[in-house]
Amino acid sequence: MASEEHVRASHILIKHEGSRRKASWKDPDGRIISATTRDAAVRQLRGHREDILAGKVRFEDVAARHSDCSSAKRGGDLGRFGRGQMQKPFEEATFALKVGEMSDIVDTDSGVHIILRTG
């Protein structure tokens, strides 16, 4: 599995005060992001993850509404990517998942994520 060249994944990103860019499509001025602690971002993401796992909501619907990434407009879909194209922790977590699996919280310079491997 580790030798695969490309994966496809979707993600939900919650930015926080420690994120490298403190603006997003839903918070262009970065006011909310700058006031959000990492712990608060993790709590929010854990709640979304639990709701997805419980079948209360669909991953792509949560991504479309709550993700700070511009991929939100595609339900969090990042498309296919290979090694070296994403931040290392994101890449390692994605390649470690089986298709259909969702990650726990993954920290990167962008913020905190949950990742759904789709291919």
PDB file of N, CA and C in Angstrom:
ATOM      1  N   MET A   1       0.817  -1.189   0.000  1.00  0.00           N
ATOM      2  CA  MET A   1       0.000   0.000   0.000  1.00  0.00           C
ATOM      3  C   MET A   1       0.867   1.262   0.000  1.00  0.00           C
ATOM      4  N   ALA A   2       1.940   1.269   0.731  1.00  0.00           N
ATOM      5  CA  ALA A   2       2.795   2.451   0.830  1.00  0.00           C
ATOM      6  C   ALA A   2       3.460   2.790  -0.504  1.00  0.00           C
ATOM      7  N   SER A   3       3.476   1.836  -1.426  1.00  0.00           N
ATOM      8  CA  SER A   3       4.140   2.086  -2.704  1.00  0.00           C
ATOM      9  C   SER A   3       3.213   2.732  -3.735  1.00  0.00           C
ATOM     10  N   GLU A   4       1.947   2.951  -3.373  1.00  0.00           N
ATOM     11  CA  GLU A   4       1.029   3.592  -4.308  1.00  0.00           C
ATOM     12  C   GLU A   4       1.549   4.978  -4.677  1.00  0.00           C
ATOM     13  N   GLU A   5       1.351   5.343  -5.935  1.00  0.00           N
ATOM     14  CA  GLU A   5       1.859   6.627  -6.402  1.00  0.00           C
ATOM     15  C   GLU A   5       0.891   7.772  -6.161  1.00  0.00           C
ATOM     16  N   HIS A   6      -0.404   7.513  -6.261  1.00  0.00           N
ATOM     17  CA  HIS A   6      -1.404   8.560  -6.105  1.00  0.00           C
ATOM     18  C   HIS A   6      -2.560   8.090  -5.234  1.00  0.00           C
ATOM     19  N   VAL A   7      -3.169   9.039  -4.561  1.00  0.00           N
ATOM     20  CA  VAL A   7      -4.382   8.785  -3.794  1.00  0.00           C
ATOM     21  C   VAL A   7      -5.386   9.875  -4.174  1.00  0.00           C
ATOM     22  N   ARG A   8      -6.613   9.661  -3.792  1.00  0.00           N
ATOM     23  CA  ARG A   8      -7.636  10.703  -3.915  1.00  0.00           C
ATOM     24  C   ARG A   8      -8.253  10.856  -2.543  1.00  0.00           C
ATOM     25  N   ALA A   9      -8.482  12.097  -2.153  1.00  0.00           N
ATOM     26  CA  ALA A   9      -9.010  12.333  -0.815  1.00  0.00           C
ATOM     27  C   ALA A   9      -9.850  13.599  -0.770  1.00  0.00           C
ATOM     28  N   SER A  10     -10.692  13.628   0.244  1.00  0.00           N
ATOM     29  CA  SER A  10     -11.439  14.826   0.600  1.00  0.00           C
ATOM     30  C   SER A  10     -11.034  15.167   2.023  1.00  0.00           C
ATOM     31  N   HIS A  11     -11.214  16.424   2.401  1.00  0.00           N
ATOM     32  CA  HIS A  11     -10.880  16.784   3.777  1.00  0.00           C
ATOM     33  C   HIS A  11     -11.771  17.907   4.263  1.00  0.00           C
ATOM     34  N   ILE A  12     -11.770  18.055   5.570  1.00  0.00           N
ATOM     35  CA  ILE A  12     -12.407  19.188   6.229  1.00  0.00           C
ATOM     36  C   ILE A  12     -11.292  19.869   7.008  1.00  0.00           C
ATOM     37  N   LEU A  13     -11.087  21.144   6.732  1.00  0.00           N
ATOM     38  CA  LEU A  13     -10.040  21.932   7.371  1.00  0.00           C
ATOM     39  C   LEU A  13     -10.671  22.969   8.279  1.00  0.00           C
ATOM     40  N   ILE A  14     -10.218  23.020   9.513  1.00  0.00           N
ATOM     41  CA  ILE A  14     -10.595  24.105  10.417  1.00  0.00           C
ATOM     42  C   ILE A  14      -9.303  24.858  10.748  1.00  0.00           C
ATOM     43  N   LYS A  15      -9.271  26.116  10.343  1.00  0.00           N
ATOM     44  CA  LYS A  15      -8.103  26.949  10.643  1.00  0.00           C
ATOM     45  C   LYS A  15      -8.229  27.514  12.049  1.00  0.00           C
ATOM     46  N   HIS A  16      -7.084  27.919  12.599  1.00  0.00           N
ATOM     47  CA  HIS A  16      -7.047  28.486  13.947  1.00  0.00           C
ATOM     48  C   HIS A  16      -5.964  29.540  14.029  1.00  0.00           C
ATOM     49  N   GLU A  17      -5.801  30.108  15.205  1.00  0.00           N
ATOM     50  CA  GLU A  17      -4.856  31.221  15.394  1.00  0.00           C
ATOM     51  C   GLU A  17      -3.423  30.878  14.995  1.00  0.00           C
ATOM     52  N   GLY A  18      -3.070  29.593  15.003  1.00  0.00           N
ATOM     53  CA  GLY A  18      -1.722  29.177  14.631  1.00  0.00           C
ATOM     54  C   GLY A  18      -1.567  28.818  13.164  1.00  0.00           C
ATOM     55  N   SER A  19      -2.630  28.914  12.398  1.00  0.00           N
ATOM     56  CA  SER A  19      -2.576  28.563  10.976  1.00  0.00           C
ATOM     57  C   SER A  19      -1.736  29.568  10.201  1.00  0.00           C
ATOM     58  N   ARG A  20      -1.074  29.084   9.165  1.00  0.00           N
ATOM     59  CA  ARG A  20      -0.163  29.961   8.413  1.00  0.00           C
ATOM     60  C   ARG A  20      -0.911  31.063   7.661  1.00  0.00           C
ATOM     61  N   ARG A  21      -2.111  30.792   7.189  1.00  0.00           N
ATOM     62  CA  ARG A  21      -2.932  31.826   6.540  1.00  0.00           C
ATOM     63  C   ARG A  21      -4.231  31.940   7.313  1.00  0.00           C
ATOM     64  N   LYS A  22      -4.485  33.123   7.839  1.00  0.00           N
ATOM     65  CA  LYS A  22      -5.642  33.299   8.708  1.00  0.00           C
ATOM     66  C   LYS A  22      -6.829  33.915   7.969  1.00  0.00           C
ATOM     67  N   ALA A  23      -7.128  33.372   6.819  1.00  0.00           N
ATOM     68  CA  ALA A  23      -8.297  33.795   6.068  1.00  0.00           C
ATOM     69  C   ALA A  23      -8.818  32.592   5.295  1.00  0.00           C
ATOM     70  N   SER A  24     -10.099  32.623   4.983  1.00  0.00           N
ATOM     71  CA  SER A  24     -10.690  31.546   4.188  1.00  0.00           C
ATOM     72  C   SER A  24     -11.878  32.110   3.425  1.00  0.00           C
ATOM     73  N   TRP A  25     -12.459  31.290   2.587  1.00  0.00           N
ATOM     74  CA  TRP A  25     -13.611  31.707   1.786  1.00  0.00           C
ATOM     75  C   TRP A  25     -14.753  32.161   2.681  1.00  0.00           C
ATOM     76  N   LYS A  26     -14.886  31.564   3.868  1.00  0.00           N
ATOM     77  CA  LYS A  26     -15.995  31.940   4.748  1.00  0.00           C
ATOM     78  C   LYS A  26     -15.593  32.973   5.801  1.00  0.00           C
ATOM     79  N   ASP A  27     -14.322  33.273   5.901  1.00  0.00           N
ATOM     80  CA  ASP A  27     -13.815  34.270   6.855  1.00  0.00           C
ATOM     81  C   ASP A  27     -12.705  35.067   6.173  1.00  0.00           C
ATOM     82  N   PRO A  28     -13.059  35.866   5.145  1.00  0.00           N
ATOM     83  CA  PRO A  28     -12.041  36.558   4.333  1.00  0.00           C
ATOM     84  C   PRO A  28     -11.126  37.487   5.123  1.00  0.00           C
ATOM     85  N   ASP A  29     -11.628  38.064   6.197  1.00  0.00           N
ATOM     86  CA  ASP A  29     -10.804  38.960   7.011  1.00  0.00           C
ATOM     87  C   ASP A  29     -10.026  38.222   8.098  1.00  0.00           C
ATOM     88  N   GLY A  30     -10.333  36.945   8.286  1.00  0.00           N
ATOM     89  CA  GLY A  30      -9.627  36.144   9.272  1.00  0.00           C
ATOM     90  C   GLY A  30      -9.958  36.463  10.718  1.00  0.00           C
ATOM     91  N   ARG A  31     -11.044  37.160  10.944  1.00  0.00           N
ATOM     92  CA  ARG A  31     -11.396  37.537  12.326  1.00  0.00           C
ATOM     93  C   ARG A  31     -11.741  36.326  13.186  1.00  0.00           C
ATOM     94  N   ILE A  32     -12.558  35.436  12.654  1.00  0.00           N
ATOM     95  CA  ILE A  32     -12.957  34.249  13.415  1.00  0.00           C
ATOM     96  C   ILE A  32     -11.757  33.320  13.585  1.00  0.00           C
ATOM     97  N   ILE A  33     -11.018  33.111  12.502  1.00  0.00           N
ATOM     98  CA  ILE A  33      -9.854  32.224  12.549  1.00  0.00           C
ATOM     99  C   ILE A  33      -8.835  32.720  13.572  1.00  0.00           C
ATOM    100  N   SER A  34      -8.549  34.003  13.562  1.00  0.00           N
ATOM    101  CA  SER A  34      -7.567  34.571  14.495  1.00  0.00           C
ATOM    102  C   SER A  34      -8.001  34.448  15.953  1.00  0.00           C
ATOM    103  N   ALA A  35      -9.306  34.333  16.181  1.00  0.00           N
ATOM    104  CA  ALA A  35      -9.830  34.221  17.548  1.00  0.00           C
ATOM    105  C   ALA A  35     -10.085  32.769  17.955  1.00  0.00           C
ATOM    106  N   THR A  36      -9.783  31.828  17.064  1.00  0.00           N
ATOM    107  CA  THR A  36     -10.032  30.408  17.337  1.00  0.00           C
ATOM    108  C   THR A  36      -8.752  29.735  17.800  1.00  0.00           C
ATOM    109  N   THR A  37      -8.794  29.138  18.985  1.00  0.00           N
ATOM    110  CA  THR A  37      -7.625  28.394  19.465  1.00  0.00           C
ATOM    111  C   THR A  37      -7.555  27.050  18.744  1.00  0.00           C
ATOM    112  N   ARG A  38      -6.386  26.433  18.769  1.00  0.00           N
ATOM    113  CA  ARG A  38      -6.247  25.104  18.183  1.00  0.00           C
ATOM    114  C   ARG A  38      -7.193  24.130  18.877  1.00  0.00           C
ATOM    115  N   ASP A  39      -7.272  24.215  20.224  1.00  0.00           N
ATOM    116  CA  ASP A  39      -8.146  23.304  20.974  1.00  0.00           C
ATOM    117  C   ASP A  39      -9.607  23.455  20.548  1.00  0.00           C
ATOM    118  N   ALA A  40     -10.044  24.685  20.332  1.00  0.00           N
ATOM    119  CA  ALA A  40     -11.424  24.918  19.893  1.00  0.00           C
ATOM    120  C   ALA A  40     -11.643  24.339  18.499  1.00  0.00           C
ATOM    121  N   ALA A  41     -10.653  24.496  17.618  1.00  0.00           N
ATOM    122  CA  ALA A  41     -10.749  23.945  16.264  1.00  0.00           C
ATOM    123  C   ALA A  41     -10.831  22.417  16.321  1.00  0.00           C
ATOM    124  N   VAL A  42     -10.029  21.809  17.190  1.00  0.00           N
ATOM    125  CA  VAL A  42     -10.040  20.348  17.337  1.00  0.00           C
ATOM    126  C   VAL A  42     -11.399  19.886  17.876  1.00  0.00           C
ATOM    127  N   ARG A  43     -11.933  20.594  18.862  1.00  0.00           N
ATOM    128  CA  ARG A  43     -13.251  20.224  19.415  1.00  0.00           C
ATOM    129  C   ARG A  43     -14.323  20.279  18.329  1.00  0.00           C
ATOM    130  N   GLN A  44     -14.286  21.341  17.536  1.00  0.00           N
ATOM    131  CA  GLN A  44     -15.257  21.483  16.451  1.00  0.00           C
ATOM    132  C   GLN A  44     -15.128  20.329  15.458  1.00  0.00           C
ATOM    133  N   LEU A  45     -13.906  20.018  15.085  1.00  0.00           N
ATOM    134  CA  LEU A  45     -13.657  18.952  14.114  1.00  0.00           C
ATOM    135  C   LEU A  45     -14.040  17.580  14.675  1.00  0.00           C
ATOM    136  N   ARG A  46     -13.742  17.334  15.948  1.00  0.00           N
ATOM    137  CA  ARG A  46     -14.132  16.057  16.573  1.00  0.00           C
ATOM    138  C   ARG A  46     -15.651  15.886  16.554  1.00  0.00           C
ATOM    139  N   GLY A  47     -16.370  16.975  16.824  1.00  0.00           N
ATOM    140  CA  GLY A  47     -17.834  16.917  16.781  1.00  0.00           C
ATOM    141  C   GLY A  47     -18.335  16.552  15.390  1.00  0.00           C
ATOM    142  N   HIS A  48     -17.753  17.172  14.382  1.00  0.00           N
ATOM    143  CA  HIS A  48     -18.128  16.852  12.996  1.00  0.00           C
ATOM    144  C   HIS A  48     -17.808  15.394  12.684  1.00  0.00           C
ATOM    145  N   ARG A  49     -16.635  14.936  13.116  1.00  0.00           N
ATOM    146  CA  ARG A  49     -16.207  13.557  12.841  1.00  0.00           C
ATOM    147  C   ARG A  49     -17.174  12.563  13.481  1.00  0.00           C
ATOM    148  N   GLU A  50     -17.554  12.828  14.730  1.00  0.00           N
ATOM    149  CA  GLU A  50     -18.497  11.936  15.434  1.00  0.00           C
ATOM    150  C   GLU A  50     -19.840  11.889  14.717  1.00  0.00           C
ATOM    151  N   ASP A  51     -20.328  13.050  14.265  1.00  0.00           N
ATOM    152  CA  ASP A  51     -21.608  13.094  13.546  1.00  0.00           C
ATOM    153  C   ASP A  51     -21.532  12.331  12.230  1.00  0.00           C
ATOM    154  N   ILE A  52     -20.408  12.427  11.530  1.00  0.00           N
ATOM    155  CA  ILE A  52     -20.224  11.693  10.268  1.00  0.00           C
ATOM    156  C   ILE A  52     -20.201  10.191  10.547  1.00  0.00           C
ATOM    157  N   LEU A  53     -19.418   9.776  11.542  1.00  0.00           N
ATOM    158  CA  LEU A  53     -19.309   8.349  11.867  1.00  0.00           C
ATOM    159  C   LEU A  53     -20.646   7.776  12.339  1.00  0.00           C
ATOM    160  N   ALA A  54     -21.459   8.608  13.014  1.00  0.00           N
ATOM    161  CA  ALA A  54     -22.765   8.161  13.511  1.00  0.00           C
ATOM    162  C   ALA A  54     -23.820   8.145  12.405  1.00  0.00           C
ATOM    163  N   GLY A  55     -23.438   8.640  11.222  1.00  0.00           N
ATOM    164  CA  GLY A  55     -24.375   8.652  10.106  1.00  0.00           C
ATOM    165  C   GLY A  55     -25.386   9.794  10.163  1.00  0.00           C
ATOM    166  N   LYS A  56     -25.152  10.775  11.029  1.00  0.00           N
ATOM    167  CA  LYS A  56     -26.077  11.914  11.150  1.00  0.00           C
ATOM    168  C   LYS A  56     -25.933  12.885   9.985  1.00  0.00           C
ATOM    169  N   VAL A  57     -24.732  12.978   9.445  1.00  0.00           N
ATOM    170  CA  VAL A  57     -24.438  13.897   8.341  1.00  0.00           C
ATOM    171  C   VAL A  57     -23.470  13.224   7.373  1.00  0.00           C
ATOM    172  N   ARG A  58     -23.435  13.745   6.153  1.00  0.00           N
ATOM    173  CA  ARG A  58     -22.491  13.227   5.169  1.00  0.00           C
ATOM    174  C   ARG A  58     -21.226  14.077   5.189  1.00  0.00           C
ATOM    175  N   PHE A  59     -20.087  13.413   4.993  1.00  0.00           N
ATOM    176  CA  PHE A  59     -18.789  14.093   4.994  1.00  0.00           C
ATOM    177  C   PHE A  59     -18.803  15.307   4.073  1.00  0.00           C
ATOM    178  N   GLU A  60     -19.270  15.110   2.833  1.00  0.00           N
ATOM    179  CA  GLU A  60     -19.224  16.192   1.851  1.00  0.00           C
ATOM    180  C   GLU A  60     -20.116  17.377   2.237  1.00  0.00           C
ATOM    181  N   ASP A  61     -21.206  17.108   2.956  1.00  0.00           N
ATOM    182  CA  ASP A  61     -22.071  18.204   3.402  1.00  0.00           C
ATOM    183  C   ASP A  61     -21.406  19.026   4.502  1.00  0.00           C
ATOM    184  N   VAL A  62     -20.723  18.337   5.425  1.00  0.00           N
ATOM    185  CA  VAL A  62     -19.992  19.048   6.480  1.00  0.00           C
ATOM    186  C   VAL A  62     -18.861  19.866   5.869  1.00  0.00           C
ATOM    187  N   ALA A  63     -18.147  19.265   4.924  1.00  0.00           N
ATOM    188  CA  ALA A  63     -17.053  19.980   4.260  1.00  0.00           C
ATOM    189  C   ALA A  63     -17.582  21.233   3.554  1.00  0.00           C
ATOM    190  N   ALA A  64     -18.672  21.088   2.830  1.00  0.00           N
ATOM    191  CA  ALA A  64     -19.224  22.213   2.072  1.00  0.00           C
ATOM    192  C   ALA A  64     -19.625  23.368   2.989  1.00  0.00           C
ATOM    193  N   ARG A  65     -20.087  23.049   4.165  1.00  0.00           N
ATOM    194  CA  ARG A  65     -20.582  24.089   5.075  1.00  0.00           C
ATOM    195  C   ARG A  65     -19.507  24.627   6.016  1.00  0.00           C
ATOM    196  N   HIS A  66     -18.597  23.760   6.470  1.00  0.00           N
ATOM    197  CA  HIS A  66     -17.711  24.141   7.574  1.00  0.00           C
ATOM    198  C   HIS A  66     -16.220  24.224   7.252  1.00  0.00           C
ATOM    199  N   SER A  67     -15.768  23.612   6.161  1.00  0.00           N
ATOM    200  CA  SER A  67     -14.329  23.594   5.884  1.00  0.00           C
ATOM    201  C   SER A  67     -13.821  24.978   5.506  1.00  0.00           C
ATOM    202  N   ASP A  68     -12.637  25.320   6.011  1.00  0.00           N
ATOM    203  CA  ASP A  68     -11.995  26.591   5.669  1.00  0.00           C
ATOM    204  C   ASP A  68     -11.215  26.514   4.362  1.00  0.00           C
ATOM    205  N   CYS A  69     -11.195  25.370   3.722  1.00  0.00           N
ATOM    206  CA  CYS A  69     -10.481  25.208   2.458  1.00  0.00           C
ATOM    207  C   CYS A  69     -11.417  25.539   1.292  1.00  0.00           C
ATOM    208  N   SER A  70     -10.850  26.062   0.218  1.00  0.00           N
ATOM    209  CA  SER A  70     -11.666  26.357  -0.970  1.00  0.00           C
ATOM    210  C   SER A  70     -12.236  25.080  -1.587  1.00  0.00           C
ATOM    211  N   SER A  71     -11.708  23.913  -1.208  1.00  0.00           N
ATOM    212  CA  SER A  71     -12.267  22.646  -1.687  1.00  0.00           C
ATOM    213  C   SER A  71     -13.669  22.413  -1.125  1.00  0.00           C
ATOM    214  N   ALA A  72     -14.108  23.242  -0.197  1.00  0.00           N
ATOM    215  CA  ALA A  72     -15.456  23.116   0.372  1.00  0.00           C
ATOM    216  C   ALA A  72     -16.512  23.112  -0.731  1.00  0.00           C
ATOM    217  N   LYS A  73     -16.294  23.923  -1.766  1.00  0.00           N
ATOM    218  CA  LYS A  73     -17.283  24.003  -2.848  1.00  0.00           C
ATOM    219  C   LYS A  73     -17.393  22.687  -3.623  1.00  0.00           C
ATOM    220  N   ARG A  74     -16.439  21.783  -3.420  1.00  0.00           N
ATOM    221  CA  ARG A  74     -16.468  20.455  -4.044  1.00  0.00           C
ATOM    222  C   ARG A  74     -16.699  19.369  -2.980  1.00  0.00           C
ATOM    223  N   GLY A  75     -17.281  19.735  -1.864  1.00  0.00           N
ATOM    224  CA  GLY A  75     -17.513  18.769  -0.788  1.00  0.00           C
ATOM    225  C   GLY A  75     -16.226  18.303  -0.140  1.00  0.00           C
ATOM    226  N   GLY A  76     -15.188  19.117  -0.242  1.00  0.00           N
ATOM    227  CA  GLY A  76     -13.894  18.787   0.354  1.00  0.00           C
ATOM    228  C   GLY A  76     -12.964  18.016  -0.557  1.00  0.00           C
ATOM    229  N   ASP A  77     -13.418  17.702  -1.765  1.00  0.00           N
ATOM    230  CA  ASP A  77     -12.622  16.876  -2.690  1.00  0.00           C
ATOM    231  C   ASP A  77     -11.364  17.605  -3.146  1.00  0.00           C
ATOM    232  N   LEU A  78     -10.228  16.971  -2.910  1.00  0.00           N
ATOM    233  CA  LEU A  78      -8.934  17.517  -3.332  1.00  0.00           C
ATOM    234  C   LEU A  78      -8.458  16.902  -4.641  1.00  0.00           C
ATOM    235  N   GLY A  79      -9.184  15.917  -5.132  1.00  0.00           N
ATOM    236  CA  GLY A  79      -8.750  15.223  -6.348  1.00  0.00           C
ATOM    237  C   GLY A  79      -7.608  14.264  -6.043  1.00  0.00           C
ATOM    238  N   ARG A  80      -6.933  13.843  -7.098  1.00  0.00           N
ATOM    239  CA  ARG A  80      -5.803  12.913  -6.959  1.00  0.00           C
ATOM    240  C   ARG A  80      -4.523  13.693  -6.711  1.00  0.00           C
ATOM    241  N   PHE A  81      -3.676  13.135  -5.885  1.00  0.00           N
ATOM    242  CA  PHE A  81      -2.366  13.744  -5.665  1.00  0.00           C
ATOM    243  C   PHE A  81      -1.359  12.668  -5.318  1.00  0.00           C
ATOM    244  N   GLY A  82      -0.114  12.991  -5.568  1.00  0.00           N
ATOM    245  CA  GLY A  82       0.971  12.059  -5.293  1.00  0.00           C
ATOM    246  C   GLY A  82       1.810  12.517  -4.121  1.00  0.00           C
ATOM    247  N   ARG A  83       2.818  11.737  -3.834  1.00  0.00           N
ATOM    248  CA  ARG A  83       3.731  12.086  -2.739  1.00  0.00           C
ATOM    249  C   ARG A  83       4.475  13.374  -3.074  1.00  0.00           C
ATOM    250  N   GLY A  84       4.682  14.180  -2.056  1.00  0.00           N
ATOM    251  CA  GLY A  84       5.404  15.426  -2.225  1.00  0.00           C
ATOM    252  C   GLY A  84       4.535  16.602  -2.647  1.00  0.00           C
ATOM    253  N   GLN A  85       3.232  16.384  -2.815  1.00  0.00           N
ATOM    254  CA  GLN A  85       2.348  17.463  -3.258  1.00  0.00           C
ATOM    255  C   GLN A  85       1.606  18.136  -2.109  1.00  0.00           C
ATOM    256  N   MET A  86       1.528  17.466  -0.975  1.00  0.00           N
ATOM    257  CA  MET A  86       0.816  17.997   0.186  1.00  0.00           C
ATOM    258  C   MET A  86       1.804  18.128   1.348  1.00  0.00           C
ATOM    259  N   GLN A  87       1.379  18.835   2.389  1.00  0.00           N
ATOM    260  CA  GLN A  87       2.221  18.914   3.577  1.00  0.00           C
ATOM    261  C   GLN A  87       2.421  17.497   4.132  1.00  0.00           C
ATOM    262  N   LYS A  88       3.610  17.229   4.639  1.00  0.00           N
ATOM    263  CA  LYS A  88       4.011  15.873   5.035  1.00  0.00           C
ATOM    264  C   LYS A  88       3.002  15.172   5.958  1.00  0.00           C
ATOM    265  N   PRO A  89       2.536  15.805   7.051  1.00  0.00           N
ATOM    266  CA  PRO A  89       1.599  15.092   7.932  1.00  0.00           C
ATOM    267  C   PRO A  89       0.302  14.711   7.205  1.00  0.00           C
ATOM    268  N   PHE A  90      -0.165  15.583   6.306  1.00  0.00           N
ATOM    269  CA  PHE A  90      -1.378  15.315   5.537  1.00  0.00           C
ATOM    270  C   PHE A  90      -1.143  14.144   4.587  1.00  0.00           C
ATOM    271  N   GLU A  91      -0.028  14.197   3.900  1.00  0.00           N
ATOM    272  CA  GLU A  91       0.326  13.133   2.961  1.00  0.00           C
ATOM    273  C   GLU A  91       0.440  11.785   3.678  1.00  0.00           C
ATOM    274  N   GLU A  92       1.182  11.750   4.770  1.00  0.00           N
ATOM    275  CA  GLU A  92       1.379  10.494   5.497  1.00  0.00           C
ATOM    276  C   GLU A  92       0.062   9.919   5.988  1.00  0.00           C
ATOM    277  N   ALA A  93      -0.804  10.774   6.511  1.00  0.00           N
ATOM    278  CA  ALA A  93      -2.096  10.297   7.005  1.00  0.00           C
ATOM    279  C   ALA A  93      -2.950   9.761   5.858  1.00  0.00           C
ATOM    280  N   THR A  94      -2.959  10.453   4.738  1.00  0.00           N
ATOM    281  CA  THR A  94      -3.793  10.037   3.607  1.00  0.00           C
ATOM    282  C   THR A  94      -3.324   8.712   3.027  1.00  0.00           C
ATOM    283  N   PHE A  95      -2.025   8.578   2.810  1.00  0.00           N
ATOM    284  CA  PHE A  95      -1.498   7.338   2.243  1.00  0.00           C
ATOM    285  C   PHE A  95      -1.660   6.158   3.203  1.00  0.00           C
ATOM    286  N   ALA A  96      -1.781   6.416   4.497  1.00  0.00           N
ATOM    287  CA  ALA A  96      -1.952   5.338   5.479  1.00  0.00           C
ATOM    288  C   ALA A  96      -3.398   4.831   5.546  1.00  0.00           C
ATOM    289  N   LEU A  97      -4.332   5.612   5.037  1.00  0.00           N
ATOM    290  CA  LEU A  97      -5.741   5.212   5.067  1.00  0.00           C
ATOM    291  C   LEU A  97      -6.060   4.237   3.944  1.00  0.00           C
ATOM    292  N   LYS A  98      -7.060   3.395   4.181  1.00  0.00           N
ATOM    293  CA  LYS A  98      -7.622   2.575   3.121  1.00  0.00           C
ATOM    294  C   LYS A  98      -8.739   3.380   2.480  1.00  0.00           C
ATOM    295  N   VAL A  99      -9.074   3.072   1.235  1.00  0.00           N
ATOM    296  CA  VAL A  99     -10.171   3.757   0.561  1.00  0.00           C
ATOM    297  C   VAL A  99     -11.435   3.602   1.406  1.00  0.00           C
ATOM    298  N   GLY A 100     -12.098   4.731   1.654  1.00  0.00           N
ATOM    299  CA  GLY A 100     -13.310   4.734   2.468  1.00  0.00           C
ATOM    300  C   GLY A 100     -13.076   5.034   3.936  1.00  0.00           C
ATOM    301  N   GLU A 101     -11.813   5.014   4.366  1.00  0.00           N
ATOM    302  CA  GLU A 101     -11.483   5.301   5.769  1.00  0.00           C
ATOM    303  C   GLU A 101     -11.342   6.797   6.004  1.00  0.00           C
ATOM    304  N   MET A 102     -11.686   7.197   7.235  1.00  0.00           N
ATOM    305  CA  MET A 102     -11.543   8.592   7.646  1.00  0.00           C
ATOM    306  C   MET A 102     -10.489   8.666   8.742  1.00  0.00           C
ATOM    307  N   SER A 103      -9.656   9.688   8.653  1.00  0.00           N
ATOM    308  CA  SER A 103      -8.580   9.872   9.632  1.00  0.00           C
ATOM    309  C   SER A 103      -9.110  10.427  10.942  1.00  0.00           C
ATOM    310  N   ASP A 104      -8.246  10.385  11.943  1.00  0.00           N
ATOM    311  CA  ASP A 104      -8.474  11.148  13.158  1.00  0.00           C
ATOM    312  C   ASP A 104      -7.993  12.571  12.837  1.00  0.00           C
ATOM    313  N   ILE A 105      -7.803  13.392  13.817  1.00  0.00           N
ATOM    314  CA  ILE A 105      -7.344  14.761  13.617  1.00  0.00           C
ATOM    315  C   ILE A 105      -5.906  14.760  13.091  1.00  0.00           C
ATOM    316  N   VAL A 106      -5.660  15.519  12.041  1.00  0.00           N
ATOM    317  CA  VAL A 106      -4.333  15.656  11.457  1.00  0.00           C
ATOM    318  C   VAL A 106      -3.949  17.138  11.515  1.00  0.00           C
ATOM    319  N   ASP A 107      -2.799  17.419  12.126  1.00  0.00           N
ATOM    320  CA  ASP A 107      -2.295  18.791  12.248  1.00  0.00           C
ATOM    321  C   ASP A 107      -1.340  19.114  11.112  1.00  0.00           C
ATOM    322  N   THR A 108      -1.542  20.278  10.478  1.00  0.00           N
ATOM    323  CA  THR A 108      -0.562  20.797   9.517  1.00  0.00           C
ATOM    324  C   THR A 108      -0.402  22.293   9.777  1.00  0.00           C
ATOM    325  N   ASP A 109       0.467  22.925   9.018  1.00  0.00           N
ATOM    326  CA  ASP A 109       0.631  24.378   9.120  1.00  0.00           C
ATOM    327  C   ASP A 109      -0.640  25.118   8.712  1.00  0.00           C
ATOM    328  N   SER A 110      -1.518  24.457   7.982  1.00  0.00           N
ATOM    329  CA  SER A 110      -2.757  25.090   7.527  1.00  0.00           C
ATOM    330  C   SER A 110      -3.831  25.103   8.611  1.00  0.00           C
ATOM    331  N   GLY A 111      -3.786  24.134   9.518  1.00  0.00           N
ATOM    332  CA  GLY A 111      -4.801  24.009  10.561  1.00  0.00           C
ATOM    333  C   GLY A 111      -4.973  22.553  10.925  1.00  0.00           C
ATOM    334  N   VAL A 112      -6.191  22.198  11.350  1.00  0.00           N
ATOM    335  CA  VAL A 112      -6.476  20.805  11.684  1.00  0.00           C
ATOM    336  C   VAL A 112      -7.473  20.252  10.667  1.00  0.00           C
ATOM    337  N   HIS A 113      -7.297  18.984  10.338  1.00  0.00           N
ATOM    338  CA  HIS A 113      -8.086  18.354   9.279  1.00  0.00           C
ATOM    339  C   HIS A 113      -8.626  17.012   9.762  1.00  0.00           C
ATOM    340  N   ILE A 114      -9.700  16.577   9.092  1.00  0.00           N
ATOM    341  CA  ILE A 114     -10.024  15.163   9.020  1.00  0.00           C
ATOM    342  C   ILE A 114     -10.038  14.851   7.525  1.00  0.00           C
ATOM    343  N   ILE A 115      -9.531  13.685   7.213  1.00  0.00           N
ATOM    344  CA  ILE A 115      -9.327  13.298   5.817  1.00  0.00           C
ATOM    345  C   ILE A 115     -10.127  12.032   5.520  1.00  0.00           C
ATOM    346  N   LEU A 116     -10.783  12.018   4.403  1.00  0.00           N
ATOM    347  CA  LEU A 116     -11.502  10.840   3.921  1.00  0.00           C
ATOM    348  C   LEU A 116     -10.823  10.405   2.645  1.00  0.00           C
ATOM    349  N   ARG A 117     -10.241   9.202   2.668  1.00  0.00           N
ATOM    350  CA  ARG A 117      -9.607   8.708   1.437  1.00  0.00           C
ATOM    351  C   ARG A 117     -10.692   8.150   0.528  1.00  0.00           C
ATOM    352  N   THR A 118     -10.724   8.659  -0.690  1.00  0.00           N
ATOM    353  CA  THR A 118     -11.775   8.272  -1.620  1.00  0.00           C
ATOM    354  C   THR A 118     -11.272   7.467  -2.819  1.00  0.00           C
ATOM    355  N   GLY A 119      -9.957   7.354  -2.938  1.00  0.00           N
ATOM    356  CA  GLY A 119      -9.424   6.590  -4.051  1.00  0.00           C
ATOM    357  C   GLY A 119      -7.938   6.370  -3.923  1.00  0.00           C
TER     358      GLY A 119
END
